[in-house]
C-alpha cells in the first residue's frame, strides 16, 4: 500500500508547502471534472523578504521599485513580492527546487473538489480577502485572512491580494494569471476566474507562489 505523503513540508526556500491529494475536481465556470495528480503548493505567495534572499544568493535583478533603496519598501517584508515577470517567477521556482503550478493545480488548491466560487464558499465576503471591495488599496501581509479565507486544503491568499503566475502556455505570448488582486473586483477573485498577460509584464498587483511534485520515495 502506497504511503500517503506528509500533509505539510518545508521546502528549500523555507516556505511551508501543503499537499494536495490526487483526484478529480470541478474546473472552470463550466465545472468540468478534471483529474490532477497529487502535488505540493506553497501555503502563501512568495514574499518580499523571500524574494530578496533569492536575489542576494543568485544575483538576479530585483523588482524595479527596489532599485532606489536596494531593497523592498519598508514594512513590507511579509507582503507578496510584486513587479515580477513570469520569467522572474520561473527563475525563483527553479532556485527553490520547485516550479510554477499549472492552472488546474492552482484552481484545485483554491477551490477543493466541490466547485465553490471562492476558496471559503459560494458567498463573497470582503472580510476574508483583499480585493477592491476591501478598500485597502494595496497589498496586505500574506496570511492576514487565514484561516477564515483559506481554501479547503488550508492554502491562503488564493483570492485577492495579488494575481499569481501559472505555468501553462509557451512562455512566449500570453501566460495565465489566477486569483485576482487588491485592485480588482470580487469577480476576478473567483477560483475559476483567469486573466492572461505577456510573460514580460510587471505590475504592482502581480506576484506568484510555487508548486512541487511529490518527492519520490528512496
C-alpha atoms as a PDB file:
ATOM      1  CA  UNK A   1       0.000   0.000   0.000  1.00  0.00           C
ATOM      2  CA  UNK A   2       1.378   3.390  -1.013  1.00  0.00           C
ATOM      3  CA  UNK A   3       2.206   5.644   1.911  1.00  0.00           C
ATOM      4  CA  UNK A   4       0.366   8.996   1.984  1.00  0.00           C
ATOM      5  CA  UNK A   5       2.826  11.902   1.653  1.00  0.00           C
ATOM      6  CA  UNK A   6       3.139  14.305   4.615  1.00  0.00           C
ATOM      7  CA  UNK A   7       0.379  16.919   4.611  1.00  0.00           C
ATOM      8  CA  UNK A   8       2.838  19.769   5.159  1.00  0.00           C
ATOM      9  CA  UNK A   9       6.525  20.041   4.279  1.00  0.00           C
ATOM     10  CA  UNK A  10       9.116  22.828   4.377  1.00  0.00           C
ATOM     11  CA  UNK A  11      10.919  23.389   1.087  1.00  0.00           C
ATOM     12  CA  UNK A  12      14.464  24.540   0.303  1.00  0.00           C
ATOM     13  CA  UNK A  13      13.470  28.204   0.435  1.00  0.00           C
ATOM     14  CA  UNK A  14      11.978  27.727   3.906  1.00  0.00           C
ATOM     15  CA  UNK A  15       8.385  28.015   2.744  1.00  0.00           C
ATOM     16  CA  UNK A  16       5.653  25.771   4.077  1.00  0.00           C
ATOM     17  CA  UNK A  17       4.012  23.688   1.364  1.00  0.00           C
ATOM     18  CA  UNK A  18       0.641  21.924   1.571  1.00  0.00           C
ATOM     19  CA  UNK A  19      -0.094  18.557  -0.019  1.00  0.00           C
ATOM     20  CA  UNK A  20      -2.997  18.449  -2.478  1.00  0.00           C
ATOM     21  CA  UNK A  21      -4.085  14.811  -2.968  1.00  0.00           C
ATOM     22  CA  UNK A  22      -4.675  13.269  -6.413  1.00  0.00           C
ATOM     23  CA  UNK A  23      -8.157  13.059  -7.857  1.00  0.00           C
ATOM     24  CA  UNK A  24     -10.825  14.920  -9.786  1.00  0.00           C
ATOM     25  CA  UNK A  25     -12.205  18.361  -9.069  1.00  0.00           C
ATOM     26  CA  UNK A  26     -14.674  20.630 -10.855  1.00  0.00           C
ATOM     27  CA  UNK A  27     -12.691  23.064 -13.019  1.00  0.00           C
ATOM     28  CA  UNK A  28     -13.718  26.333 -14.619  1.00  0.00           C
ATOM     29  CA  UNK A  29     -17.049  28.105 -14.790  1.00  0.00           C
ATOM     30  CA  UNK A  30     -18.480  25.034 -16.509  1.00  0.00           C
ATOM     31  CA  UNK A  31     -17.233  22.819 -13.656  1.00  0.00           C
ATOM     32  CA  UNK A  32     -15.695  20.167 -15.860  1.00  0.00           C
ATOM     33  CA  UNK A  33     -14.453  17.090 -13.929  1.00  0.00           C
ATOM     34  CA  UNK A  34     -10.660  17.285 -14.194  1.00  0.00           C
ATOM     35  CA  UNK A  35      -8.075  14.887 -12.792  1.00  0.00           C
ATOM     36  CA  UNK A  36      -4.892  16.205 -11.175  1.00  0.00           C
ATOM     37  CA  UNK A  37      -2.043  14.142  -9.725  1.00  0.00           C
ATOM     38  CA  UNK A  38      -1.007  14.801  -6.148  1.00  0.00           C
ATOM     39  CA  UNK A  39       1.350  17.760  -5.639  1.00  0.00           C
ATOM     40  CA  UNK A  40       2.558  20.327  -3.128  1.00  0.00           C
ATOM     41  CA  UNK A  41       1.841  24.063  -3.271  1.00  0.00           C
ATOM     42  CA  UNK A  42       3.116  26.973  -1.185  1.00  0.00           C
ATOM     43  CA  UNK A  43       0.707  27.854   1.601  1.00  0.00           C
ATOM     44  CA  UNK A  44       1.390  31.549   0.947  1.00  0.00           C
ATOM     45  CA  UNK A  45       2.584  33.633  -2.011  1.00  0.00           C
ATOM     46  CA  UNK A  46       6.314  34.388  -2.180  1.00  0.00           C
ATOM     47  CA  UNK A  47       7.073  37.419  -0.003  1.00  0.00           C
ATOM     48  CA  UNK A  48       9.410  40.370  -0.483  1.00  0.00           C
ATOM     49  CA  UNK A  49      11.823  39.014   2.135  1.00  0.00           C
ATOM     50  CA  UNK A  50      11.921  35.594   0.475  1.00  0.00           C
ATOM     51  CA  UNK A  51      12.453  37.090  -2.966  1.00  0.00           C
ATOM     52  CA  UNK A  52      15.210  39.353  -1.591  1.00  0.00           C
ATOM     53  CA  UNK A  53      17.078  36.285  -0.357  1.00  0.00           C
ATOM     54  CA  UNK A  54      16.787  34.747  -3.823  1.00  0.00           C
ATOM     55  CA  UNK A  55      18.194  37.906  -5.437  1.00  0.00           C
ATOM     56  CA  UNK A  56      21.061  38.104  -2.930  1.00  0.00           C
ATOM     57  CA  UNK A  57      22.063  34.465  -3.408  1.00  0.00           C
ATOM     58  CA  UNK A  58      21.784  34.379  -7.198  1.00  0.00           C
ATOM     59  CA  UNK A  59      22.430  37.939  -8.348  1.00  0.00           C
ATOM     60  CA  UNK A  60      19.011  38.009 -10.016  1.00  0.00           C
ATOM     61  CA  UNK A  61      17.847  41.538 -10.789  1.00  0.00           C
ATOM     62  CA  UNK A  62      15.346  42.764  -8.154  1.00  0.00           C
ATOM     63  CA  UNK A  63      11.967  44.343  -8.972  1.00  0.00           C
ATOM     64  CA  UNK A  64      12.276  47.905 -10.352  1.00  0.00           C
ATOM     65  CA  UNK A  65      10.656  49.629  -7.373  1.00  0.00           C
ATOM     66  CA  UNK A  66      13.503  48.321  -5.185  1.00  0.00           C
ATOM     67  CA  UNK A  67      16.234  49.966  -7.229  1.00  0.00           C
ATOM     68  CA  UNK A  68      16.412  53.336  -5.443  1.00  0.00           C
ATOM     69  CA  UNK A  69      16.876  51.822  -1.983  1.00  0.00           C
ATOM     70  CA  UNK A  70      18.303  48.451  -2.919  1.00  0.00           C
ATOM     71  CA  UNK A  71      15.538  46.572  -1.170  1.00  0.00           C
ATOM     72  CA  UNK A  72      11.773  46.210  -0.789  1.00  0.00           C
ATOM     73  CA  UNK A  73       9.600  49.012   0.681  1.00  0.00           C
ATOM     74  CA  UNK A  74       9.891  49.479   4.430  1.00  0.00           C
ATOM     75  CA  UNK A  75       7.388  47.485   6.446  1.00  0.00           C
ATOM     76  CA  UNK A  76       6.578  45.097   3.602  1.00  0.00           C
ATOM     77  CA  UNK A  77       8.862  42.145   4.308  1.00  0.00           C
ATOM     78  CA  UNK A  78       5.875  39.807   4.665  1.00  0.00           C
ATOM     79  CA  UNK A  79       3.848  41.261   1.786  1.00  0.00           C
ATOM     80  CA  UNK A  80       3.799  39.341  -1.504  1.00  0.00           C
ATOM     81  CA  UNK A  81       6.529  40.338  -3.920  1.00  0.00           C
ATOM     82  CA  UNK A  82       5.181  42.273  -6.934  1.00  0.00           C
ATOM     83  CA  UNK A  83       6.552  43.764 -10.150  1.00  0.00           C
ATOM     84  CA  UNK A  84       7.864  40.323 -11.143  1.00  0.00           C
ATOM     85  CA  UNK A  85       7.571  38.846 -14.610  1.00  0.00           C
ATOM     86  CA  UNK A  86       6.633  35.263 -15.407  1.00  0.00           C
ATOM     87  CA  UNK A  87      10.314  34.665 -16.165  1.00  0.00           C
ATOM     88  CA  UNK A  88      11.300  36.043 -12.747  1.00  0.00           C
ATOM     89  CA  UNK A  89       8.827  33.675 -11.105  1.00  0.00           C
ATOM     90  CA  UNK A  90      10.196  30.700 -13.047  1.00  0.00           C
ATOM     91  CA  UNK A  91      13.765  31.636 -12.046  1.00  0.00           C
ATOM     92  CA  UNK A  92      12.821  31.779  -8.359  1.00  0.00           C
ATOM     93  CA  UNK A  93      10.995  28.452  -8.598  1.00  0.00           C
ATOM     94  CA  UNK A  94      13.995  26.762 -10.191  1.00  0.00           C
ATOM     95  CA  UNK A  95      16.312  28.159  -7.497  1.00  0.00           C
ATOM     96  CA  UNK A  96      13.974  26.821  -4.810  1.00  0.00           C
ATOM     97  CA  UNK A  97      13.797  23.356  -6.412  1.00  0.00           C
ATOM     98  CA  UNK A  98      10.180  23.912  -7.392  1.00  0.00           C
ATOM     99  CA  UNK A  99       8.115  25.018 -10.381  1.00  0.00           C
ATOM    100  CA  UNK A 100       5.060  27.152 -11.062  1.00  0.00           C
ATOM    101  CA  UNK A 101       1.685  25.428 -10.615  1.00  0.00           C
ATOM    102  CA  UNK A 102      -0.400  24.567 -13.645  1.00  0.00           C
ATOM    103  CA  UNK A 103      -3.773  26.278 -13.871  1.00  0.00           C
ATOM    104  CA  UNK A 104      -5.520  23.047 -12.911  1.00  0.00           C
ATOM    105  CA  UNK A 105      -3.286  22.597  -9.872  1.00  0.00           C
ATOM    106  CA  UNK A 106      -3.747  26.189  -8.786  1.00  0.00           C
ATOM    107  CA  UNK A 107      -7.536  26.005  -9.144  1.00  0.00           C
ATOM    108  CA  UNK A 108      -7.851  22.702  -7.297  1.00  0.00           C
ATOM    109  CA  UNK A 109      -5.738  24.032  -4.430  1.00  0.00           C
ATOM    110  CA  UNK A 110      -8.001  27.089  -4.360  1.00  0.00           C
ATOM    111  CA  UNK A 111     -11.479  25.558  -4.541  1.00  0.00           C
ATOM    112  CA  UNK A 112     -11.212  21.925  -3.490  1.00  0.00           C
ATOM    113  CA  UNK A 113     -13.474  19.394  -5.161  1.00  0.00           C
ATOM    114  CA  UNK A 114     -16.961  20.879  -4.750  1.00  0.00           C
ATOM    115  CA  UNK A 115     -16.804  23.636  -7.381  1.00  0.00           C
ATOM    116  CA  UNK A 116     -17.156  26.525  -4.929  1.00  0.00           C
ATOM    117  CA  UNK A 117     -16.904  30.106  -6.173  1.00  0.00           C
ATOM    118  CA  UNK A 118     -14.342  31.419  -3.661  1.00  0.00           C
ATOM    119  CA  UNK A 119     -11.894  29.476  -1.504  1.00  0.00           C
ATOM    120  CA  UNK A 120     -14.152  29.666   1.568  1.00  0.00           C
ATOM    121  CA  UNK A 121     -17.503  29.010  -0.155  1.00  0.00           C
ATOM    122  CA  UNK A 122     -20.124  30.387  -2.529  1.00  0.00           C
ATOM    123  CA  UNK A 123     -20.874  33.719  -0.843  1.00  0.00           C
ATOM    124  CA  UNK A 124     -18.402  36.578  -1.246  1.00  0.00           C
ATOM    125  CA  UNK A 125     -17.085  38.074   1.991  1.00  0.00           C
ATOM    126  CA  UNK A 126     -14.782  41.098   1.847  1.00  0.00           C
ATOM    127  CA  UNK A 127     -13.567  40.271   5.350  1.00  0.00           C
ATOM    128  CA  UNK A 128     -11.920  37.098   4.021  1.00  0.00           C
ATOM    129  CA  UNK A 129      -9.743  38.548   1.250  1.00  0.00           C
ATOM    130  CA  UNK A 130      -8.059  41.675  -0.090  1.00  0.00           C
ATOM    131  CA  UNK A 131      -9.968  42.847  -3.169  1.00  0.00           C
ATOM    132  CA  UNK A 132     -11.207  46.260  -4.331  1.00  0.00           C
ATOM    133  CA  UNK A 133     -14.252  45.817  -2.100  1.00  0.00           C
ATOM    134  CA  UNK A 134     -11.984  45.716   0.955  1.00  0.00           C
ATOM    135  CA  UNK A 135     -10.975  49.342   0.356  1.00  0.00           C
ATOM    136  CA  UNK A 136      -7.324  48.791   1.344  1.00  0.00           C
ATOM    137  CA  UNK A 137      -5.820  49.859  -1.964  1.00  0.00           C
ATOM    138  CA  UNK A 138      -2.542  47.975  -1.562  1.00  0.00           C
ATOM    139  CA  UNK A 139      -1.113  44.550  -0.787  1.00  0.00           C
ATOM    140  CA  UNK A 140      -1.535  43.054   2.670  1.00  0.00           C
ATOM    141  CA  UNK A 141       0.754  40.671   4.591  1.00  0.00           C
ATOM    142  CA  UNK A 142       0.411  37.067   3.437  1.00  0.00           C
ATOM    143  CA  UNK A 143      -1.819  35.075   5.761  1.00  0.00           C
ATOM    144  CA  UNK A 144      -3.687  38.146   7.018  1.00  0.00           C
ATOM    145  CA  UNK A 145      -7.000  36.448   6.147  1.00  0.00           C
ATOM    146  CA  UNK A 146      -6.021  32.990   7.381  1.00  0.00           C
ATOM    147  CA  UNK A 147      -7.654  30.741   8.385  1.00  0.00           C
ATOM    148  CA  UNK A 148     -11.061  32.270   7.627  1.00  0.00           C
ATOM    149  CA  UNK A 149     -10.181  32.921   3.980  1.00  0.00           C
ATOM    150  CA  UNK A 150      -8.274  29.694   3.383  1.00  0.00           C
ATOM    151  CA  UNK A 151      -9.130  27.081   0.781  1.00  0.00           C
ATOM    152  CA  UNK A 152     -10.461  23.630   1.782  1.00  0.00           C
ATOM    153  CA  UNK A 153      -6.838  22.431   1.856  1.00  0.00           C
ATOM    154  CA  UNK A 154      -5.645  25.257   4.101  1.00  0.00           C
ATOM    155  CA  UNK A 155      -3.955  27.262   1.336  1.00  0.00           C
ATOM    156  CA  UNK A 156      -4.081  31.018   1.980  1.00  0.00           C
ATOM    157  CA  UNK A 157      -4.412  34.180  -0.123  1.00  0.00           C
ATOM    158  CA  UNK A 158      -5.880  32.486  -3.179  1.00  0.00           C
ATOM    159  CA  UNK A 159      -8.487  35.215  -3.587  1.00  0.00           C
ATOM    160  CA  UNK A 160      -7.248  38.773  -3.953  1.00  0.00           C
ATOM    161  CA  UNK A 161      -4.034  40.409  -2.721  1.00  0.00           C
ATOM    162  CA  UNK A 162      -2.026  39.639  -5.906  1.00  0.00           C
ATOM    163  CA  UNK A 163      -2.610  37.810  -9.152  1.00  0.00           C
ATOM    164  CA  UNK A 164      -0.358  34.759  -9.445  1.00  0.00           C
ATOM    165  CA  UNK A 165       1.539  33.494 -12.459  1.00  0.00           C
ATOM    166  CA  UNK A 166       0.891  29.893 -13.515  1.00  0.00           C
ATOM    167  CA  UNK A 167       2.854  27.518 -15.720  1.00  0.00           C
ATOM    168  CA  UNK A 168       0.524  26.884 -18.664  1.00  0.00           C
ATOM    169  CA  UNK A 169       1.485  28.115 -22.093  1.00  0.00           C
ATOM    170  CA  UNK A 170       4.711  28.509 -24.034  1.00  0.00           C
ATOM    171  CA  UNK A 171       6.064  31.464 -22.094  1.00  0.00           C
ATOM    172  CA  UNK A 172       6.322  33.389 -25.343  1.00  0.00           C
ATOM    173  CA  UNK A 173       2.976  35.088 -25.919  1.00  0.00           C
ATOM    174  CA  UNK A 174       0.411  35.069 -23.097  1.00  0.00           C
ATOM    175  CA  UNK A 175       0.625  33.389 -19.711  1.00  0.00           C
ATOM    176  CA  UNK A 176      -2.322  32.831 -17.349  1.00  0.00           C
ATOM    177  CA  UNK A 177      -2.767  34.650 -14.050  1.00  0.00           C
ATOM    178  CA  UNK A 178      -5.046  33.468 -11.264  1.00  0.00           C
ATOM    179  CA  UNK A 179      -6.599  34.765  -8.065  1.00  0.00           C
ATOM    180  CA  UNK A 180      -7.491  38.412  -8.620  1.00  0.00           C
ATOM    181  CA  UNK A 181      -5.801  41.208  -6.700  1.00  0.00           C
ATOM    182  CA  UNK A 182      -6.166  44.130  -4.314  1.00  0.00           C
ATOM    183  CA  UNK A 183      -7.310  46.456  -7.111  1.00  0.00           C
ATOM    184  CA  UNK A 184      -9.764  44.082  -8.825  1.00  0.00           C
ATOM    185  CA  UNK A 185     -13.404  43.407  -8.003  1.00  0.00           C
ATOM    186  CA  UNK A 186     -14.647  40.192  -6.403  1.00  0.00           C
ATOM    187  CA  UNK A 187     -15.493  38.513  -9.722  1.00  0.00           C
ATOM    188  CA  UNK A 188     -11.805  38.395 -10.647  1.00  0.00           C
ATOM    189  CA  UNK A 189     -11.036  36.695  -7.313  1.00  0.00           C
ATOM    190  CA  UNK A 190     -13.281  33.703  -8.021  1.00  0.00           C
ATOM    191  CA  UNK A 191     -11.476  30.368  -8.083  1.00  0.00           C
ATOM    192  CA  UNK A 192     -12.376  29.835 -11.748  1.00  0.00           C
ATOM    193  CA  UNK A 193     -11.536  33.361 -12.961  1.00  0.00           C
ATOM    194  CA  UNK A 194      -8.495  33.805 -15.168  1.00  0.00           C
ATOM    195  CA  UNK A 195      -6.595  36.543 -16.939  1.00  0.00           C
ATOM    196  CA  UNK A 196      -3.670  36.451 -19.366  1.00  0.00           C
ATOM    197  CA  UNK A 197      -0.738  38.814 -19.747  1.00  0.00           C
ATOM    198  CA  UNK A 198       2.518  38.765 -21.678  1.00  0.00           C
ATOM    199  CA  UNK A 199       5.223  36.973 -19.655  1.00  0.00           C
ATOM    200  CA  UNK A 200       7.402  40.115 -19.540  1.00  0.00           C
ATOM    201  CA  UNK A 201       4.706  42.204 -17.885  1.00  0.00           C
ATOM    202  CA  UNK A 202       5.341  43.677 -14.422  1.00  0.00           C
ATOM    203  CA  UNK A 203       2.636  45.213 -12.262  1.00  0.00           C
ATOM    204  CA  UNK A 204       2.130  46.146  -8.629  1.00  0.00           C
ATOM    205  CA  UNK A 205      -0.679  43.597  -8.440  1.00  0.00           C
ATOM    206  CA  UNK A 206       1.124  40.534  -9.851  1.00  0.00           C
ATOM    207  CA  UNK A 207       3.080  38.009  -7.764  1.00  0.00           C
ATOM    208  CA  UNK A 208       3.345  34.223  -7.580  1.00  0.00           C
ATOM    209  CA  UNK A 209       3.630  31.079  -5.485  1.00  0.00           C
ATOM    210  CA  UNK A 210       5.326  27.793  -6.306  1.00  0.00           C
ATOM    211  CA  UNK A 211       4.328  24.153  -6.581  1.00  0.00           C
ATOM    212  CA  UNK A 212       6.332  20.953  -6.452  1.00  0.00           C
ATOM    213  CA  UNK A 213       5.896  17.335  -7.468  1.00  0.00           C
ATOM    214  CA  UNK A 214       5.636  14.815  -4.658  1.00  0.00           C
ATOM    215  CA  UNK A 215       9.202  13.641  -3.912  1.00  0.00           C
ATOM    216  CA  UNK A 216       9.771  10.050  -4.955  1.00  0.00           C
ATOM    217  CA  UNK A 217      10.464   7.575  -2.165  1.00  0.00           C
ATOM    218  CA  UNK A 218      14.056   6.419  -1.936  1.00  0.00           C
END
